[in-house]
């Protein structure tokens, strides 16, 4: 038996469902665009910032990225147990000395870290290993011990950064920073797109079920005996 589309006074259910789905999609699309526009205002291309810092302070961009990877794995919201902050893990006193007002802001932090690393390179005559040791343990300890201090953490740190340098080009990627020490990442951005897509699908399904329910109730009313 061939059953045609169930109709309502306003047209077939498939047509109504398509209209409902389009409306839901438009609503969610508008929400998504607003969300994306707001988030984009706090987006940072870390690779571009590292390039800028490299040019500004005449330091290899690969060295800067290797330090950042060892320090925080490029996390703007990273805070160590000692209080070091941001991508380049600046200590509060160092950040203040460098004029960094928001240590969790990716650009301020990277530029400040590059400035400090440049100072360490100059202090130790361009010796990268000593500059890295000073970045980690402080220049006073490098001077005191006449080289890389005999601290396991510092020695491992220098080896780690030098190892990253030997691995070739490093990509830092994008981050989203909204201020006040909060950071959001590209993976979270993808999750937002997934959430809005799921929301559109759910709204569409609920509207379709509601239309079918209304149609069934209407059909039942037609079967009831009419009283004149």
Protein backbone atom coordinates (compact mmCIF):
# COMPACT_ATOMS: atom_id res chain seq x y z
CA UNK A 1 0.00 0.00 0.00
CA UNK A 2 1.39 3.39 -0.99
CA UNK A 3 1.10 5.92 1.79
CA UNK A 4 1.64 9.50 0.75
CA UNK A 5 3.14 12.18 2.94
CA UNK A 6 1.14 13.05 6.01
CA UNK A 7 -0.25 16.52 5.55
CA UNK A 8 -1.31 19.30 7.87
CA UNK A 9 -3.32 22.36 7.09
CA UNK A 10 -0.06 24.17 6.42
CA UNK A 11 1.57 21.54 4.19
CA UNK A 12 3.39 18.20 4.51
CA UNK A 13 5.48 17.23 7.52
CA UNK A 14 8.66 16.92 5.45
CA UNK A 15 8.15 20.49 4.23
CA UNK A 16 7.44 21.74 7.76
CA UNK A 17 10.42 19.84 9.13
CA UNK A 18 12.67 21.34 6.48
CA UNK A 19 11.44 24.80 7.39
CA UNK A 20 11.99 24.11 11.09
CA UNK A 21 15.45 22.75 10.45
CA UNK A 22 16.36 25.79 8.37
CA UNK A 23 15.14 28.12 11.12
CA UNK A 24 17.06 26.22 13.79
CA UNK A 25 20.17 26.17 11.65
CA UNK A 26 19.92 29.92 11.01
CA UNK A 27 19.50 30.63 14.72
CA UNK A 28 22.48 28.49 15.71
CA UNK A 29 24.55 29.86 12.82
CA UNK A 30 23.94 33.37 14.08
CA UNK A 31 24.93 32.33 17.59
CA UNK A 32 28.06 30.63 16.24
CA UNK A 33 29.07 33.69 14.21
CA UNK A 34 28.68 35.91 17.24
CA UNK A 35 30.70 33.49 19.35
CA UNK A 36 33.42 33.20 16.72
CA UNK A 37 33.66 36.97 16.30
CA UNK A 38 33.99 37.48 20.04
CA UNK A 39 36.61 34.77 20.37
CA UNK A 40 38.61 35.93 17.36
CA UNK A 41 39.31 39.20 19.16
CA UNK A 42 41.49 37.24 21.58
CA UNK A 43 43.17 34.95 19.07
CA UNK A 44 46.95 34.80 18.88
CA UNK A 45 49.14 33.22 16.22
CA UNK A 46 52.07 32.12 18.38
CA UNK A 47 54.29 31.40 15.38
CA UNK A 48 53.86 35.01 14.21
CA UNK A 49 54.67 36.33 17.68
CA UNK A 50 57.82 34.22 17.86
CA UNK A 51 58.86 35.55 14.44
CA UNK A 52 58.35 39.11 15.69
CA UNK A 53 60.33 38.42 18.87
CA UNK A 54 63.09 36.81 16.82
CA UNK A 55 63.45 39.92 14.64
CA UNK A 56 63.16 42.33 17.56
CA UNK A 57 65.79 40.71 19.75
CA UNK A 58 67.92 39.04 17.07
CA UNK A 59 67.45 35.53 18.43
CA UNK A 60 66.86 32.37 16.43
CA UNK A 61 63.12 31.73 16.24
CA UNK A 62 63.84 28.03 16.69
CA UNK A 63 65.65 28.75 19.96
CA UNK A 64 62.74 30.83 21.26
CA UNK A 65 60.24 28.12 20.40
CA UNK A 66 62.45 25.43 21.92
CA UNK A 67 62.58 27.39 25.19
CA UNK A 68 58.79 27.91 25.17
CA UNK A 69 58.15 24.24 24.46
CA UNK A 70 60.39 23.20 27.35
CA UNK A 71 58.93 25.82 29.66
CA UNK A 72 55.20 25.46 29.08
CA UNK A 73 54.46 23.47 25.91
CA UNK A 74 53.15 26.81 24.59
CA UNK A 75 50.44 27.12 27.26
CA UNK A 76 49.63 30.80 27.98
CA UNK A 77 47.87 29.88 31.24
CA UNK A 78 50.71 27.73 32.63
CA UNK A 79 51.78 28.51 36.18
CA UNK A 80 54.59 26.61 37.88
CA UNK A 81 54.72 25.71 41.57
CA UNK A 82 57.37 28.43 41.91
CA UNK A 83 55.06 31.04 40.42
CA UNK A 84 56.53 31.27 36.90
CA UNK A 85 53.85 32.35 34.44
CA UNK A 86 52.79 31.99 30.83
CA UNK A 87 54.35 30.67 27.64
CA UNK A 88 57.93 31.58 28.57
CA UNK A 89 57.39 31.03 32.32
CA UNK A 90 58.37 34.46 33.59
CA UNK A 91 58.82 34.89 37.32
CA UNK A 92 56.83 37.80 38.81
CA UNK A 93 59.94 39.88 39.51
CA UNK A 94 61.36 39.23 36.04
CA UNK A 95 58.06 40.10 34.39
CA UNK A 96 57.91 43.39 36.32
CA UNK A 97 61.51 44.21 35.40
CA UNK A 98 60.73 43.59 31.72
CA UNK A 99 57.61 45.77 31.81
CA UNK A 100 55.23 42.84 31.26
CA UNK A 101 51.91 43.95 32.75
CA UNK A 102 49.98 40.75 31.95
CA UNK A 103 52.30 37.70 32.07
CA UNK A 104 49.53 35.47 30.70
CA UNK A 105 49.06 37.56 27.58
CA UNK A 106 50.88 35.50 24.90
CA UNK A 107 52.45 38.42 23.05
CA UNK A 108 53.60 40.28 26.16
CA UNK A 109 54.99 37.07 27.63
CA UNK A 110 56.88 35.92 24.54
CA UNK A 111 58.31 39.35 23.86
CA UNK A 112 59.37 39.63 27.50
CA UNK A 113 60.93 36.16 27.48
CA UNK A 114 62.83 36.95 24.30
CA UNK A 115 64.09 40.18 25.83
CA UNK A 116 65.34 38.30 28.91
CA UNK A 117 66.95 35.53 26.87
CA UNK A 118 68.73 38.17 24.76
CA UNK A 119 70.12 39.67 27.97
CA UNK A 120 71.40 36.26 29.05
CA UNK A 121 73.01 35.64 25.65
CA UNK A 122 74.76 39.01 25.83
CA UNK A 123 75.90 38.39 29.39
CA UNK A 124 77.47 35.06 28.50
CA UNK A 125 78.98 36.08 25.16
CA UNK A 126 76.46 34.27 22.99
CA UNK A 127 76.97 30.88 24.66
CA UNK A 128 73.54 29.28 24.19
CA UNK A 129 74.03 26.60 26.84
CA UNK A 130 75.05 29.13 29.49
CA UNK A 131 72.26 31.49 28.49
CA UNK A 132 69.74 28.67 28.86
CA UNK A 133 71.18 27.71 32.23
CA UNK A 134 70.88 31.35 33.33
CA UNK A 135 67.29 31.51 32.04
CA UNK A 136 66.45 28.50 34.20
CA UNK A 137 68.57 28.94 37.33
CA UNK A 138 69.45 32.62 37.22
CA UNK A 139 72.65 34.27 35.96
CA UNK A 140 74.06 34.43 39.48
CA UNK A 141 74.26 30.64 39.71
CA UNK A 142 75.97 30.39 36.31
CA UNK A 143 78.59 32.89 37.45
CA UNK A 144 78.92 31.21 40.83
CA UNK A 145 79.62 27.77 39.37
CA UNK A 146 81.54 29.00 36.36
CA UNK A 147 79.24 27.17 33.95
CA UNK A 148 76.00 25.19 33.99
CA UNK A 149 75.09 24.80 37.69
CA UNK A 150 75.18 21.25 39.12
CA UNK A 151 71.39 21.20 39.50
CA UNK A 152 69.60 18.23 37.95
CA UNK A 153 66.69 20.42 36.87
CA UNK A 154 68.94 22.95 35.13
CA UNK A 155 71.14 20.36 33.46
CA UNK A 156 68.07 18.46 32.22
CA UNK A 157 66.52 21.73 31.07
CA UNK A 158 69.52 22.67 28.94
CA UNK A 159 69.61 19.18 27.40
CA UNK A 160 65.87 19.31 26.69
CA UNK A 161 65.98 22.68 24.95
CA UNK A 162 69.06 21.73 22.92
CA UNK A 163 67.28 18.51 21.98
CA UNK A 164 64.26 20.42 20.70
CA UNK A 165 66.62 22.58 18.65
CA UNK A 166 68.00 19.44 17.04
CA UNK A 167 64.51 18.23 16.09
CA UNK A 168 64.07 20.92 13.44
CA UNK A 169 61.28 23.45 12.94
CA UNK A 170 58.68 23.67 15.72
CA UNK A 171 55.14 24.91 15.19
CA UNK A 172 53.54 26.68 18.17
CA UNK A 173 50.06 27.07 16.65
CA UNK A 174 47.12 29.27 17.67
CA UNK A 175 45.74 30.10 21.11
CA UNK A 176 42.74 32.11 22.27
CA UNK A 177 43.27 34.40 25.21
CA UNK A 178 40.51 36.39 26.88
CA UNK A 179 42.46 38.19 29.58
CA UNK A 180 42.78 37.75 33.34
CA UNK A 181 44.93 34.66 33.04
CA UNK A 182 42.38 32.61 31.09
CA UNK A 183 43.38 30.87 27.87
CA UNK A 184 41.51 28.78 25.36
CA UNK A 185 42.99 26.59 22.68
CA UNK A 186 42.29 25.66 19.11
CA UNK A 187 41.02 22.24 20.22
CA UNK A 188 38.40 23.98 22.36
CA UNK A 189 37.44 26.06 19.34
CA UNK A 190 36.77 22.84 17.45
CA UNK A 191 34.65 21.64 20.36
CA UNK A 192 32.56 24.81 20.12
CA UNK A 193 31.84 24.10 16.46
CA UNK A 194 30.84 20.55 17.37
CA UNK A 195 28.57 21.77 20.18
CA UNK A 196 26.76 24.30 17.98
CA UNK A 197 26.29 21.66 15.27
CA UNK A 198 24.83 19.20 17.80
CA UNK A 199 22.56 21.94 19.12
CA UNK A 200 21.20 22.60 15.62
CA UNK A 201 20.52 18.89 15.11
CA UNK A 202 18.79 18.57 18.47
CA UNK A 203 16.55 21.58 17.87
CA UNK A 204 15.63 20.27 14.44
CA UNK A 205 14.74 16.83 15.82
CA UNK A 206 12.63 18.29 18.63
CA UNK A 207 10.69 20.49 16.22
CA UNK A 208 10.07 17.57 13.89
CA UNK A 209 8.78 15.38 16.76
CA UNK A 210 6.51 18.21 17.87
CA UNK A 211 5.05 18.55 14.36
CA UNK A 212 4.41 14.79 14.16
CA UNK A 213 2.76 14.85 17.59
CA UNK A 214 0.50 17.73 16.55
CA UNK A 215 -0.43 15.91 13.34
CA UNK A 216 -1.31 12.71 15.23
CA UNK A 217 -3.46 14.64 17.72
CA UNK A 218 -5.18 16.38 14.84
CA UNK A 219 -5.90 13.04 13.14
CA UNK A 220 -7.38 11.62 16.37
CA UNK A 221 -9.69 14.63 16.67
CA UNK A 222 -10.98 14.06 13.13
CA UNK A 223 -12.04 10.51 14.09
CA UNK A 224 -14.15 11.66 17.06
CA UNK A 225 -17.90 11.87 16.44
CA UNK A 226 -18.94 15.44 15.83
CA UNK A 227 -21.72 16.90 17.99
CA UNK A 228 -24.03 19.40 16.30
